[in-house]
Amino acid sequence: EEVKAGSPVWWSWLLLALPPLAVASGGYSYARSWYIKRQWE
């Protein structure tokens, strides 16, 4: 339930319809995850 609230189905369809948005979203997610990983280490 928590996972779906953070990434609803409509958002996935929007990313599929707009590949540039999917790339931007993926880039932001990667950068954020990398920063948290680096901070933890």
PDB file of all heavy atoms in Angstrom:
ATOM      1  N   GLU A   1       0.840  -1.201   0.000  1.00  0.00           N
ATOM      2  CA  GLU A   1       0.000   0.000   0.000  1.00  0.00           C
ATOM      3  C   GLU A   1       0.873   1.248   0.000  1.00  0.00           C
ATOM      4  O   GLU A   1       0.587   2.229  -0.698  1.00  0.00           O
ATOM      5  CB  GLU A   1      -0.923  -0.004   1.232  1.00  0.00           C
ATOM      6  CG  GLU A   1      -2.093  -0.971   1.140  1.00  0.00           C
ATOM      7  CD  GLU A   1      -3.044  -0.818   2.314  1.00  0.00           C
ATOM      8  OE1 GLU A   1      -2.902   0.171   3.069  1.00  0.00           O
ATOM      9  OE2 GLU A   1      -3.920  -1.684   2.481  1.00  0.00           O
ATOM     10  N   GLU A   2       1.935   1.208   0.779  1.00  0.00           N
ATOM     11  CA  GLU A   2       2.867   2.336   0.828  1.00  0.00           C
ATOM     12  C   GLU A   2       3.586   2.504  -0.504  1.00  0.00           C
ATOM     13  O   GLU A   2       3.764   3.624  -0.996  1.00  0.00           O
ATOM     14  CB  GLU A   2       3.878   2.114   1.954  1.00  0.00           C
ATOM     15  CG  GLU A   2       4.845   3.265   2.146  1.00  0.00           C
ATOM     16  CD  GLU A   2       5.801   3.052   3.319  1.00  0.00           C
ATOM     17  OE1 GLU A   2       5.521   2.160   4.144  1.00  0.00           O
ATOM     18  OE2 GLU A   2       6.809   3.783   3.394  1.00  0.00           O
ATOM     19  N   VAL A   3       3.999   1.386  -1.095  1.00  0.00           N
ATOM     20  CA  VAL A   3       4.709   1.443  -2.377  1.00  0.00           C
ATOM     21  C   VAL A   3       3.802   2.015  -3.465  1.00  0.00           C
ATOM     22  O   VAL A   3       4.218   2.885  -4.248  1.00  0.00           O
ATOM     23  CB  VAL A   3       5.212   0.041  -2.778  1.00  0.00           C
ATOM     24  CG1 VAL A   3       5.741   0.049  -4.210  1.00  0.00           C
ATOM     25  CG2 VAL A   3       6.291  -0.433  -1.819  1.00  0.00           C
ATOM     26  N   LYS A   4       2.561   1.544  -3.517  1.00  0.00           N
ATOM     27  CA  LYS A   4       1.628   2.036  -4.535  1.00  0.00           C
ATOM     28  C   LYS A   4       1.316   3.511  -4.354  1.00  0.00           C
ATOM     29  O   LYS A   4       1.122   4.238  -5.338  1.00  0.00           O
ATOM     30  CB  LYS A   4       0.336   1.213  -4.494  1.00  0.00           C
ATOM     31  CG  LYS A   4       0.480  -0.197  -5.042  1.00  0.00           C
ATOM     32  CD  LYS A   4      -0.861  -0.929  -5.008  1.00  0.00           C
ATOM     33  CE  LYS A   4      -0.756  -2.308  -5.629  1.00  0.00           C
ATOM     34  NZ  LYS A   4      -2.054  -3.031  -5.596  1.00  0.00           N
ATOM     35  N   ALA A   5       1.259   3.956  -3.110  1.00  0.00           N
ATOM     36  CA  ALA A   5       0.995   5.373  -2.858  1.00  0.00           C
ATOM     37  C   ALA A   5       2.128   6.238  -3.399  1.00  0.00           C
ATOM     38  O   ALA A   5       1.907   7.368  -3.849  1.00  0.00           O
ATOM     39  CB  ALA A   5       0.813   5.619  -1.362  1.00  0.00           C
ATOM     40  N   GLY A   6       3.351   5.715  -3.378  1.00  0.00           N
ATOM     41  CA  GLY A   6       4.496   6.471  -3.868  1.00  0.00           C
ATOM     42  C   GLY A   6       4.691   6.377  -5.361  1.00  0.00           C
ATOM     43  O   GLY A   6       5.371   7.219  -5.953  1.00  0.00           O
ATOM     44  N   SER A   7       4.096   5.363  -5.997  1.00  0.00           N
ATOM     45  CA  SER A   7       4.247   5.188  -7.446  1.00  0.00           C
ATOM     46  C   SER A   7       2.950   4.615  -8.011  1.00  0.00           C
ATOM     47  O   SER A   7       2.862   3.426  -8.334  1.00  0.00           O
ATOM     48  CB  SER A   7       5.426   4.253  -7.756  1.00  0.00           C
ATOM     49  OG  SER A   7       5.625   4.134  -9.146  1.00  0.00           O
ATOM     50  N   PRO A   8       1.914   5.441  -8.139  1.00  0.00           N
ATOM     51  CA  PRO A   8       0.614   4.959  -8.617  1.00  0.00           C
ATOM     52  C   PRO A   8       0.666   4.511 -10.071  1.00  0.00           C
ATOM     53  O   PRO A   8       1.562   4.890 -10.826  1.00  0.00           O
ATOM     54  CB  PRO A   8      -0.300   6.185  -8.453  1.00  0.00           C
ATOM     55  CG  PRO A   8       0.628   7.350  -8.455  1.00  0.00           C
ATOM     56  CD  PRO A   8       1.898   6.879  -7.833  1.00  0.00           C
ATOM     57  N   VAL A   9      -0.308   3.716 -10.472  1.00  0.00           N
ATOM     58  CA  VAL A   9      -0.345   3.159 -11.826  1.00  0.00           C
ATOM     59  C   VAL A   9      -0.405   4.266 -12.872  1.00  0.00           C
ATOM     60  O   VAL A   9       0.242   4.184 -13.923  1.00  0.00           O
ATOM     61  CB  VAL A   9      -1.540   2.202 -11.965  1.00  0.00           C
ATOM     62  CG1 VAL A   9      -1.656   1.711 -13.404  1.00  0.00           C
ATOM     63  CG2 VAL A   9      -1.385   1.010 -11.021  1.00  0.00           C
ATOM     64  N   TRP A  10      -1.177   5.338 -12.607  1.00  0.00           N
ATOM     65  CA  TRP A  10      -1.299   6.401 -13.599  1.00  0.00           C
ATOM     66  C   TRP A  10       0.038   7.053 -13.899  1.00  0.00           C
ATOM     67  O   TRP A  10       0.300   7.495 -15.028  1.00  0.00           O
ATOM     68  CB  TRP A  10      -2.313   7.456 -13.152  1.00  0.00           C
ATOM     69  CG  TRP A  10      -1.939   8.238 -11.915  1.00  0.00           C
ATOM     70  CD1 TRP A  10      -2.320   7.999 -10.640  1.00  0.00           C
ATOM     71  CD2 TRP A  10      -1.073   9.400 -11.873  1.00  0.00           C
ATOM     72  NE1 TRP A  10      -1.765   8.921  -9.780  1.00  0.00           N
ATOM     73  CE2 TRP A  10      -0.996   9.797 -10.508  1.00  0.00           C
ATOM     74  CE3 TRP A  10      -0.382  10.128 -12.832  1.00  0.00           C
ATOM     75  CZ2 TRP A  10      -0.231  10.885 -10.102  1.00  0.00           C
ATOM     76  CZ3 TRP A  10       0.382  11.218 -12.423  1.00  0.00           C
ATOM     77  CH2 TRP A  10       0.441  11.596 -11.083  1.00  0.00           C
ATOM     78  N   TRP A  11       0.922   7.108 -12.893  1.00  0.00           N
ATOM     79  CA  TRP A  11       2.244   7.685 -13.098  1.00  0.00           C
ATOM     80  C   TRP A  11       3.075   6.827 -14.053  1.00  0.00           C
ATOM     81  O   TRP A  11       3.791   7.346 -14.912  1.00  0.00           O
ATOM     82  CB  TRP A  11       2.944   7.838 -11.757  1.00  0.00           C
ATOM     83  CG  TRP A  11       4.355   8.338 -11.827  1.00  0.00           C
ATOM     84  CD1 TRP A  11       5.488   7.653 -11.505  1.00  0.00           C
ATOM     85  CD2 TRP A  11       4.799   9.640 -12.241  1.00  0.00           C
ATOM     86  NE1 TRP A  11       6.599   8.424 -11.687  1.00  0.00           N
ATOM     87  CE2 TRP A  11       6.214   9.661 -12.134  1.00  0.00           C
ATOM     88  CE3 TRP A  11       4.140  10.782 -12.687  1.00  0.00           C
ATOM     89  CZ2 TRP A  11       6.978  10.771 -12.472  1.00  0.00           C
ATOM     90  CZ3 TRP A  11       4.910  11.899 -13.014  1.00  0.00           C
ATOM     91  CH2 TRP A  11       6.306  11.890 -12.911  1.00  0.00           C
ATOM     92  N   SER A  12       2.937   5.511 -13.940  1.00  0.00           N
ATOM     93  CA  SER A  12       3.659   4.605 -14.828  1.00  0.00           C
ATOM     94  C   SER A  12       3.190   4.775 -16.267  1.00  0.00           C
ATOM     95  O   SER A  12       3.995   4.767 -17.209  1.00  0.00           O
ATOM     96  CB  SER A  12       3.461   3.154 -14.377  1.00  0.00           C
ATOM     97  OG  SER A  12       3.990   2.945 -13.092  1.00  0.00           O
ATOM     98  N   TRP A  13       1.891   4.922 -16.466  1.00  0.00           N
ATOM     99  CA  TRP A  13       1.361   5.135 -17.813  1.00  0.00           C
ATOM    100  C   TRP A  13       1.830   6.470 -18.378  1.00  0.00           C
ATOM    101  O   TRP A  13       2.126   6.588 -19.581  1.00  0.00           O
ATOM    102  CB  TRP A  13      -0.165   5.064 -17.805  1.00  0.00           C
ATOM    103  CG  TRP A  13      -0.683   3.667 -17.751  1.00  0.00           C
ATOM    104  CD1 TRP A  13      -1.249   3.027 -16.688  1.00  0.00           C
ATOM    105  CD2 TRP A  13      -0.662   2.704 -18.814  1.00  0.00           C
ATOM    106  NE1 TRP A  13      -1.577   1.737 -17.013  1.00  0.00           N
ATOM    107  CE2 TRP A  13      -1.241   1.514 -18.323  1.00  0.00           C
ATOM    108  CE3 TRP A  13      -0.217   2.730 -20.129  1.00  0.00           C
ATOM    109  CZ2 TRP A  13      -1.376   0.370 -19.099  1.00  0.00           C
ATOM    110  CZ3 TRP A  13      -0.357   1.591 -20.918  1.00  0.00           C
ATOM    111  CH2 TRP A  13      -0.935   0.422 -20.393  1.00  0.00           C
ATOM    112  N   LEU A  14       1.920   7.482 -17.531  1.00  0.00           N
ATOM    113  CA  LEU A  14       2.396   8.787 -17.973  1.00  0.00           C
ATOM    114  C   LEU A  14       3.853   8.704 -18.421  1.00  0.00           C
ATOM    115  O   LEU A  14       4.237   9.286 -19.447  1.00  0.00           O
ATOM    116  CB  LEU A  14       2.237   9.814 -16.849  1.00  0.00           C
ATOM    117  CG  LEU A  14       2.613  11.269 -17.192  1.00  0.00           C
ATOM    118  CD1 LEU A  14       1.720  11.806 -18.305  1.00  0.00           C
ATOM    119  CD2 LEU A  14       2.508  12.154 -15.949  1.00  0.00           C
ATOM    120  N   LEU A  15       4.684   7.980 -17.665  1.00  0.00           N
ATOM    121  CA  LEU A  15       6.087   7.812 -18.027  1.00  0.00           C
ATOM    122  C   LEU A  15       6.230   7.027 -19.332  1.00  0.00           C
ATOM    123  O   LEU A  15       7.128   7.294 -20.132  1.00  0.00           O
ATOM    124  CB  LEU A  15       6.843   7.096 -16.904  1.00  0.00           C
ATOM    125  CG  LEU A  15       6.949   7.838 -15.569  1.00  0.00           C
ATOM    126  CD1 LEU A  15       7.756   7.004 -14.583  1.00  0.00           C
ATOM    127  CD2 LEU A  15       7.579   9.202 -15.748  1.00  0.00           C
ATOM    128  N   LEU A  16       5.329   6.068 -19.550  1.00  0.00           N
ATOM    129  CA  LEU A  16       5.361   5.293 -20.786  1.00  0.00           C
ATOM    130  C   LEU A  16       5.006   6.175 -21.979  1.00  0.00           C
ATOM    131  O   LEU A  16       5.606   6.061 -23.054  1.00  0.00           O
ATOM    132  CB  LEU A  16       4.387   4.111 -20.698  1.00  0.00           C
ATOM    133  CG  LEU A  16       4.301   3.201 -21.936  1.00  0.00           C
ATOM    134  CD1 LEU A  16       5.645   2.535 -22.201  1.00  0.00           C
ATOM    135  CD2 LEU A  16       3.215   2.150 -21.750  1.00  0.00           C
ATOM    136  N   ALA A  17       4.055   7.088 -21.770  1.00  0.00           N
ATOM    137  CA  ALA A  17       3.608   7.969 -22.856  1.00  0.00           C
ATOM    138  C   ALA A  17       4.605   9.088 -23.128  1.00  0.00           C
ATOM    139  O   ALA A  17       4.675   9.598 -24.258  1.00  0.00           O
ATOM    140  CB  ALA A  17       2.244   8.565 -22.512  1.00  0.00           C
ATOM    141  N   LEU A  18       5.383   9.465 -22.116  1.00  0.00           N
ATOM    142  CA  LEU A  18       6.329  10.580 -22.258  1.00  0.00           C
ATOM    143  C   LEU A  18       7.741  10.111 -21.883  1.00  0.00           C
ATOM    144  O   LEU A  18       8.199  10.317 -20.754  1.00  0.00           O
ATOM    145  CB  LEU A  18       5.912  11.750 -21.370  1.00  0.00           C
ATOM    146  CG  LEU A  18       4.528  12.360 -21.641  1.00  0.00           C
ATOM    147  CD1 LEU A  18       4.184  13.385 -20.575  1.00  0.00           C
ATOM    148  CD2 LEU A  18       4.492  12.988 -23.034  1.00  0.00           C
ATOM    149  N   PRO A  19       8.448   9.462 -22.809  1.00  0.00           N
ATOM    150  CA  PRO A  19       9.802   8.954 -22.509  1.00  0.00           C
ATOM    151  C   PRO A  19      10.757   9.994 -21.939  1.00  0.00           C
ATOM    152  O   PRO A  19      11.536   9.660 -21.033  1.00  0.00           O
ATOM    153  CB  PRO A  19      10.279   8.428 -23.874  1.00  0.00           C
ATOM    154  CG  PRO A  19       9.009   8.047 -24.585  1.00  0.00           C
ATOM    155  CD  PRO A  19       8.002   9.082 -24.163  1.00  0.00           C
ATOM    156  N   PRO A  20      10.743  11.263 -22.403  1.00  0.00           N
ATOM    157  CA  PRO A  20      11.662  12.241 -21.785  1.00  0.00           C
ATOM    158  C   PRO A  20      11.389  12.426 -20.288  1.00  0.00           C
ATOM    159  O   PRO A  20      12.323  12.589 -19.503  1.00  0.00           O
ATOM    160  CB  PRO A  20      11.375  13.539 -22.571  1.00  0.00           C
ATOM    161  CG  PRO A  20      10.869  13.071 -23.890  1.00  0.00           C
ATOM    162  CD  PRO A  20      10.057  11.848 -23.576  1.00  0.00           C
ATOM    163  N   LEU A  21      10.104  12.392 -19.913  1.00  0.00           N
ATOM    164  CA  LEU A  21       9.753  12.495 -18.503  1.00  0.00           C
ATOM    165  C   LEU A  21      10.265  11.268 -17.745  1.00  0.00           C
ATOM    166  O   LEU A  21      10.735  11.379 -16.602  1.00  0.00           O
ATOM    167  CB  LEU A  21       8.244  12.634 -18.339  1.00  0.00           C
ATOM    168  CG  LEU A  21       7.717  12.724 -16.891  1.00  0.00           C
ATOM    169  CD1 LEU A  21       8.300  13.948 -16.188  1.00  0.00           C
ATOM    170  CD2 LEU A  21       6.188  12.771 -16.879  1.00  0.00           C
ATOM    171  N   ALA A  22      10.180  10.100 -18.388  1.00  0.00           N
ATOM    172  CA  ALA A  22      10.662   8.871 -17.760  1.00  0.00           C
ATOM    173  C   ALA A  22      12.167   8.949 -17.510  1.00  0.00           C
ATOM    174  O   ALA A  22      12.664   8.544 -16.453  1.00  0.00           O
ATOM    175  CB  ALA A  22      10.339   7.661 -18.639  1.00  0.00           C
ATOM    176  N   VAL A  23      12.897   9.507 -18.480  1.00  0.00           N
ATOM    177  CA  VAL A  23      14.347   9.653 -18.334  1.00  0.00           C
ATOM    178  C   VAL A  23      14.671  10.627 -17.197  1.00  0.00           C
ATOM    179  O   VAL A  23      15.542  10.363 -16.353  1.00  0.00           O
ATOM    180  CB  VAL A  23      14.980  10.143 -19.649  1.00  0.00           C
ATOM    181  CG1 VAL A  23      16.457  10.474 -19.430  1.00  0.00           C
ATOM    182  CG2 VAL A  23      14.841   9.081 -20.731  1.00  0.00           C
ATOM    183  N   ALA A  24      13.952  11.755 -17.156  1.00  0.00           N
ATOM    184  CA  ALA A  24      14.187  12.749 -16.102  1.00  0.00           C
ATOM    185  C   ALA A  24      13.861  12.182 -14.731  1.00  0.00           C
ATOM    186  O   ALA A  24      14.610  12.380 -13.763  1.00  0.00           O
ATOM    187  CB  ALA A  24      13.347  13.994 -16.372  1.00  0.00           C
ATOM    188  N   SER A  25      12.736  11.458 -14.635  1.00  0.00           N
ATOM    189  CA  SER A  25      12.335  10.860 -13.368  1.00  0.00           C
ATOM    190  C   SER A  25      13.347   9.820 -12.911  1.00  0.00           C
ATOM    191  O   SER A  25      13.727   9.764 -11.730  1.00  0.00           O
ATOM    192  CB  SER A  25      10.950  10.228 -13.503  1.00  0.00           C
ATOM    193  OG  SER A  25      10.577   9.565 -12.316  1.00  0.00           O
ATOM    194  N   GLY A  26      13.787   8.994 -13.861  1.00  0.00           N
ATOM    195  CA  GLY A  26      14.778   7.981 -13.525  1.00  0.00           C
ATOM    196  C   GLY A  26      16.103   8.589 -13.095  1.00  0.00           C
ATOM    197  O   GLY A  26      16.750   8.102 -12.169  1.00  0.00           O
ATOM    198  N   GLY A  27      16.495   9.676 -13.753  1.00  0.00           N
ATOM    199  CA  GLY A  27      17.737  10.352 -13.399  1.00  0.00           C
ATOM    200  C   GLY A  27      17.693  10.941 -11.998  1.00  0.00           C
ATOM    201  O   GLY A  27      18.657  10.839 -11.232  1.00  0.00           O
ATOM    202  N   TYR A  28      16.553  11.550 -11.662  1.00  0.00           N
ATOM    203  CA  TYR A  28      16.403  12.114 -10.324  1.00  0.00           C
ATOM    204  C   TYR A  28      16.441  11.015  -9.269  1.00  0.00           C
ATOM    205  O   TYR A  28      17.105  11.147  -8.232  1.00  0.00           O
ATOM    206  CB  TYR A  28      15.089  12.878 -10.223  1.00  0.00           C
ATOM    207  CG  TYR A  28      14.739  13.285  -8.802  1.00  0.00           C
ATOM    208  CD1 TYR A  28      15.374  14.369  -8.191  1.00  0.00           C
ATOM    209  CD2 TYR A  28      13.802  12.554  -8.068  1.00  0.00           C
ATOM    210  CE1 TYR A  28      15.077  14.720  -6.877  1.00  0.00           C
ATOM    211  CE2 TYR A  28      13.500  12.900  -6.757  1.00  0.00           C
ATOM    212  CZ  TYR A  28      14.135  13.984  -6.172  1.00  0.00           C
ATOM    213  OH  TYR A  28      13.839  14.320  -4.870  1.00  0.00           O
ATOM    214  N   SER A  29      15.725   9.911  -9.532  1.00  0.00           N
ATOM    215  CA  SER A  29      15.682   8.806  -8.583  1.00  0.00           C
ATOM    216  C   SER A  29      17.074   8.218  -8.370  1.00  0.00           C
ATOM    217  O   SER A  29      17.478   7.916  -7.238  1.00  0.00           O
ATOM    218  CB  SER A  29      14.723   7.716  -9.084  1.00  0.00           C
ATOM    219  OG  SER A  29      14.730   6.594  -8.217  1.00  0.00           O
ATOM    220  N   TYR A  30      17.826   8.079  -9.466  1.00  0.00           N
ATOM    221  CA  TYR A  30      19.177   7.519  -9.360  1.00  0.00           C
ATOM    222  C   TYR A  30      20.075   8.429  -8.533  1.00  0.00           C
ATOM    223  O   TYR A  30      20.802   7.965  -7.644  1.00  0.00           O
ATOM    224  CB  TYR A  30      19.777   7.323 -10.755  1.00  0.00           C
ATOM    225  CG  TYR A  30      21.146   6.694 -10.741  1.00  0.00           C
ATOM    226  CD1 TYR A  30      21.289   5.309 -10.848  1.00  0.00           C
ATOM    227  CD2 TYR A  30      22.300   7.458 -10.611  1.00  0.00           C
ATOM    228  CE1 TYR A  30      22.536   4.712 -10.824  1.00  0.00           C
ATOM    229  CE2 TYR A  30      23.555   6.877 -10.570  1.00  0.00           C
ATOM    230  CZ  TYR A  30      23.664   5.512 -10.684  1.00  0.00           C
ATOM    231  OH  TYR A  30      24.904   4.923 -10.655  1.00  0.00           O
ATOM    232  N   ALA A  31      20.018   9.750  -8.832  1.00  0.00           N
ATOM    233  CA  ALA A  31      20.872  10.698  -8.121  1.00  0.00           C
ATOM    234  C   ALA A  31      20.542  10.719  -6.630  1.00  0.00           C
ATOM    235  O   ALA A  31      21.445  10.752  -5.775  1.00  0.00           O
ATOM    236  CB  ALA A  31      20.710  12.090  -8.726  1.00  0.00           C
ATOM    237  N   ARG A  32      19.256  10.685  -6.304  1.00  0.00           N
ATOM    238  CA  ARG A  32      18.834  10.705  -4.908  1.00  0.00           C
ATOM    239  C   ARG A  32      19.311   9.443  -4.190  1.00  0.00           C
ATOM    240  O   ARG A  32      19.838   9.506  -3.072  1.00  0.00           O
ATOM    241  CB  ARG A  32      17.317  10.824  -4.810  1.00  0.00           C
ATOM    242  CG  ARG A  32      16.777  10.844  -3.384  1.00  0.00           C
ATOM    243  CD  ARG A  32      15.260  10.946  -3.366  1.00  0.00           C
ATOM    244  NE  ARG A  32      14.757  10.987  -1.999  1.00  0.00           N
ATOM    245  CZ  ARG A  32      14.540   9.911  -1.257  1.00  0.00           C
ATOM    246  NH1 ARG A  32      14.789   8.709  -1.753  1.00  0.00           N
ATOM    247  NH2 ARG A  32      14.080  10.018  -0.021  1.00  0.00           N
ATOM    248  N   SER A  33      19.119   8.297  -4.840  1.00  0.00           N
ATOM    249  CA  SER A  33      19.516   7.028  -4.230  1.00  0.00           C
ATOM    250  C   SER A  33      21.029   6.966  -4.050  1.00  0.00           C
ATOM    251  O   SER A  33      21.533   6.470  -3.035  1.00  0.00           O
ATOM    252  CB  SER A  33      19.044   5.855  -5.091  1.00  0.00           C
ATOM    253  OG  SER A  33      17.637   5.819  -5.170  1.00  0.00           O
ATOM    254  N   TRP A  34      21.763   7.475  -5.025  1.00  0.00           N
ATOM    255  CA  TRP A  34      23.226   7.468  -4.937  1.00  0.00           C
ATOM    256  C   TRP A  34      23.690   8.343  -3.778  1.00  0.00           C
ATOM    257  O   TRP A  34      24.601   7.966  -3.033  1.00  0.00           O
ATOM    258  CB  TRP A  34      23.839   7.963  -6.241  1.00  0.00           C
ATOM    259  CG  TRP A  34      25.337   7.950  -6.225  1.00  0.00           C
ATOM    260  CD1 TRP A  34      26.163   6.918  -6.576  1.00  0.00           C
ATOM    261  CD2 TRP A  34      26.197   9.023  -5.795  1.00  0.00           C
ATOM    262  NE1 TRP A  34      27.480   7.276  -6.397  1.00  0.00           N
ATOM    263  CE2 TRP A  34      27.539   8.562  -5.920  1.00  0.00           C
ATOM    264  CE3 TRP A  34      25.973  10.314  -5.330  1.00  0.00           C
ATOM    265  CZ2 TRP A  34      28.624   9.355  -5.596  1.00  0.00           C
ATOM    266  CZ3 TRP A  34      27.064  11.108  -4.997  1.00  0.00           C
ATOM    267  CH2 TRP A  34      28.380  10.635  -5.136  1.00  0.00           C
ATOM    268  N   TYR A  35      23.053   9.493  -3.621  1.00  0.00           N
ATOM    269  CA  TYR A  35      23.439  10.406  -2.537  1.00  0.00           C
ATOM    270  C   TYR A  35      23.187   9.767  -1.173  1.00  0.00           C
ATOM    271  O   TYR A  35      24.043   9.834  -0.276  1.00  0.00           O
ATOM    272  CB  TYR A  35      22.652  11.709  -2.655  1.00  0.00           C
ATOM    273  CG  TYR A  35      22.913  12.669  -1.512  1.00  0.00           C
ATOM    274  CD1 TYR A  35      24.085  13.422  -1.466  1.00  0.00           C
ATOM    275  CD2 TYR A  35      21.989  12.805  -0.473  1.00  0.00           C
ATOM    276  CE1 TYR A  35      24.341  14.294  -0.402  1.00  0.00           C
ATOM    277  CE2 TYR A  35      22.229  13.675   0.585  1.00  0.00           C
ATOM    278  CZ  TYR A  35      23.407  14.409   0.618  1.00  0.00           C
ATOM    279  OH  TYR A  35      23.645  15.256   1.667  1.00  0.00           O
ATOM    280  N   ILE A  36      22.032   9.123  -1.010  1.00  0.00           N
ATOM    281  CA  ILE A  36      21.713   8.471   0.261  1.00  0.00           C
ATOM    282  C   ILE A  36      22.691   7.333   0.530  1.00  0.00           C
ATOM    283  O   ILE A  36      23.164   7.150   1.661  1.00  0.00           O
ATOM    284  CB  ILE A  36      20.260   7.948   0.246  1.00  0.00           C
ATOM    285  CG1 ILE A  36      19.282   9.131   0.190  1.00  0.00           C
ATOM    286  CG2 ILE A  36      19.975   7.093   1.471  1.00  0.00           C
ATOM    287  CD1 ILE A  36      17.844   8.727  -0.015  1.00  0.00           C
ATOM    288  N   LYS A  37      23.002   6.563  -0.506  1.00  0.00           N
ATOM    289  CA  LYS A  37      23.974   5.476  -0.383  1.00  0.00           C
ATOM    290  C   LYS A  37      25.336   6.021   0.054  1.00  0.00           C
ATOM    291  O   LYS A  37      25.976   5.479   0.968  1.00  0.00           O
ATOM    292  CB  LYS A  37      24.103   4.746  -1.717  1.00  0.00           C
ATOM    293  CG  LYS A  37      25.225   3.713  -1.801  1.00  0.00           C
ATOM    294  CD  LYS A  37      25.213   3.062  -3.171  1.00  0.00           C
ATOM    295  CE  LYS A  37      26.360   2.065  -3.324  1.00  0.00           C
ATOM    296  NZ  LYS A  37      27.675   2.754  -3.394  1.00  0.00           N
ATOM    297  N   ARG A  38      25.775   7.088  -0.585  1.00  0.00           N
ATOM    298  CA  ARG A  38      27.066   7.687  -0.267  1.00  0.00           C
ATOM    299  C   ARG A  38      27.080   8.216   1.163  1.00  0.00           C
ATOM    300  O   ARG A  38      28.062   8.035   1.902  1.00  0.00           O
ATOM    301  CB  ARG A  38      27.337   8.831  -1.250  1.00  0.00           C
ATOM    302  CG  ARG A  38      28.661   9.541  -1.043  1.00  0.00           C
ATOM    303  CD  ARG A  38      29.829   8.663  -1.367  1.00  0.00           C
ATOM    304  NE  ARG A  38      31.071   9.409  -1.314  1.00  0.00           N
ATOM    305  CZ  ARG A  38      32.280   8.855  -1.339  1.00  0.00           C
ATOM    306  NH1 ARG A  38      32.395   7.541  -1.432  1.00  0.00           N
ATOM    307  NH2 ARG A  38      33.365   9.595  -1.290  1.00  0.00           N
ATOM    308  N   GLN A  39      25.998   8.853   1.561  1.00  0.00           N
ATOM    309  CA  GLN A  39      25.896   9.399   2.916  1.00  0.00           C
ATOM    310  C   GLN A  39      25.976   8.288   3.951  1.00  0.00           C
ATOM    311  O   GLN A  39      26.666   8.413   4.971  1.00  0.00           O
ATOM    312  CB  GLN A  39      24.580  10.171   3.051  1.00  0.00           C
ATOM    313  CG  GLN A  39      24.476  11.061   4.267  1.00  0.00           C
ATOM    314  CD  GLN A  39      23.199  11.863   4.266  1.00  0.00           C
ATOM    315  OE1 GLN A  39      22.109  11.344   3.997  1.00  0.00           O
ATOM    316  NE2 GLN A  39      23.302  13.147   4.563  1.00  0.00           N
ATOM    317  N   TRP A  40      25.280   7.185   3.705  1.00  0.00           N
ATOM    318  CA  TRP A  40      25.301   6.051   4.627  1.00  0.00           C
ATOM    319  C   TRP A  40      26.719   5.493   4.760  1.00  0.00           C
ATOM    320  O   TRP A  40      27.199   5.230   5.863  1.00  0.00           O
ATOM    321  CB  TRP A  40      24.353   4.972   4.122  1.00  0.00           C
ATOM    322  CG  TRP A  40      24.460   3.668   4.842  1.00  0.00           C
ATOM    323  CD1 TRP A  40      25.333   2.648   4.589  1.00  0.00           C
ATOM    324  CD2 TRP A  40      23.682   3.224   5.960  1.00  0.00           C
ATOM    325  NE1 TRP A  40      25.145   1.608   5.454  1.00  0.00           N
ATOM    326  CE2 TRP A  40      24.142   1.934   6.313  1.00  0.00           C
ATOM    327  CE3 TRP A  40      22.637   3.794   6.687  1.00  0.00           C
ATOM    328  CZ2 TRP A  40      23.586   1.213   7.356  1.00  0.00           C
ATOM    329  CZ3 TRP A  40      22.100   3.060   7.727  1.00  0.00           C
ATOM    330  CH2 TRP A  40      22.562   1.794   8.056  1.00  0.00           C
ATOM    331  N   GLU A  41      27.393   5.303   3.627  1.00  0.00           N
ATOM    332  CA  GLU A  41      28.733   4.734   3.648  1.00  0.00           C
ATOM    333  C   GLU A  41      29.709   5.636   4.395  1.00  0.00           C
ATOM    334  O   GLU A  41      30.589   5.158   5.112  1.00  0.00           O
ATOM    335  CB  GLU A  41      29.209   4.493   2.210  1.00  0.00           C
ATOM    336  CG  GLU A  41      28.448   3.378   1.508  1.00  0.00           C
ATOM    337  CD  GLU A  41      28.794   3.267   0.046  1.00  0.00           C
ATOM    338  OE1 GLU A  41      29.392   4.236  -0.500  1.00  0.00           O
ATOM    339  OE2 GLU A  41      28.467   2.239  -0.569  1.00  0.00           O
TER     340      GLU A  41
END
